[in-house]
Amino acid sequence: MFQDDNIQRGFDSLLFLVGWMTWKERNMWMFDGSSASPAELTQLIIDRTNVWLMAGFKQLKSLMVLL
C-alpha cells in the first residue's frame, strides 16, 4: 500500500492499536458493564499512540509525521 516500508509498518501498528483498544473497550462493556464514549475511546487511542511514540516506536513515528 505504501512505498516506504517504515510507513507501512507504522500503518499496520496503528491499525493493530486501534483494534486492540476497541477490543479492550468491548470487553469492559461486556464484563464490567462500563464503557467509554466514542470521544473518550478516541482520546485513549491517541494517548496510547503517544506512549508508543515516547517509547521510541520509529515506524509509527514515520506514519504520524504524515498525518
Protein backbone atom coordinates (compact mmCIF):
# COMPACT_ATOMS: atom_id res chain seq x y z
CA MET A 1 0.00 0.00 0.00
CA PHE A 2 2.75 2.47 0.96
CA GLN A 3 6.06 2.71 -0.85
CA ASP A 4 8.08 3.30 2.31
CA ASP A 5 8.36 0.14 4.43
CA ASN A 6 8.51 2.13 7.69
CA ILE A 7 5.27 3.90 6.86
CA GLN A 8 3.61 0.57 6.03
CA ARG A 9 4.76 -0.87 9.36
CA GLY A 10 3.54 2.25 11.15
CA PHE A 11 0.14 1.91 9.49
CA ASP A 12 -0.05 -1.76 10.44
CA SER A 13 0.86 -0.92 14.03
CA LEU A 14 -1.72 1.86 14.23
CA LEU A 15 -4.36 -0.48 12.84
CA PHE A 16 -3.39 -3.08 15.45
CA LEU A 17 -3.51 -0.46 18.22
CA VAL A 18 -6.99 0.75 17.23
CA GLY A 19 -8.25 -2.83 17.04
CA TRP A 20 -6.69 -3.72 20.39
CA MET A 21 -8.12 -0.67 22.16
CA THR A 22 -11.55 -1.32 20.63
CA TRP A 23 -11.40 -4.95 21.76
CA LYS A 24 -10.44 -3.92 25.30
CA GLU A 25 -13.31 -1.43 25.36
CA ARG A 26 -15.70 -4.12 24.16
CA ASN A 27 -14.53 -6.43 26.96
CA MET A 28 -15.04 -3.70 29.55
CA TRP A 29 -18.58 -3.23 28.24
CA MET A 30 -19.31 -6.98 28.23
CA PHE A 31 -17.71 -7.99 31.53
CA ASP A 32 -17.66 -4.84 33.67
CA GLY A 33 -20.78 -3.13 32.38
CA SER A 34 -18.91 0.11 31.75
CA SER A 35 -17.98 1.75 28.51
CA ALA A 36 -16.31 4.88 27.23
CA SER A 37 -17.93 7.25 24.79
CA PRO A 38 -16.53 7.32 21.25
CA ALA A 39 -14.75 10.59 22.10
CA GLU A 40 -13.20 9.01 25.20
CA LEU A 41 -12.10 5.94 23.24
CA THR A 42 -10.55 8.17 20.60
CA GLN A 43 -8.64 10.04 23.30
CA LEU A 44 -7.48 6.75 24.83
CA ILE A 45 -6.14 5.65 21.44
CA ILE A 46 -4.35 8.98 20.95
CA ASP A 47 -2.85 8.75 24.44
CA ARG A 48 -1.64 5.19 23.85
CA THR A 49 -0.20 6.21 20.47
CA ASN A 50 1.76 8.96 22.21
CA VAL A 51 3.08 6.45 24.75
CA TRP A 52 4.29 4.24 21.90
CA LEU A 53 5.94 7.27 20.25
CA MET A 54 7.69 8.25 23.51
CA ALA A 55 8.91 4.67 23.82
CA GLY A 56 10.70 5.16 20.50
CA PHE A 57 8.47 3.26 18.09
CA LYS A 58 10.12 4.58 14.91
CA GLN A 59 7.76 3.05 12.35
CA LEU A 60 4.73 4.63 13.96
CA LYS A 61 6.55 7.97 14.11
CA SER A 62 7.17 7.77 10.35
CA LEU A 63 3.43 7.46 9.79
CA MET A 64 2.37 10.11 12.29
CA VAL A 65 4.58 12.71 10.59
CA LEU A 66 2.36 12.30 7.51
CA LEU A 67 -0.85 12.75 9.49
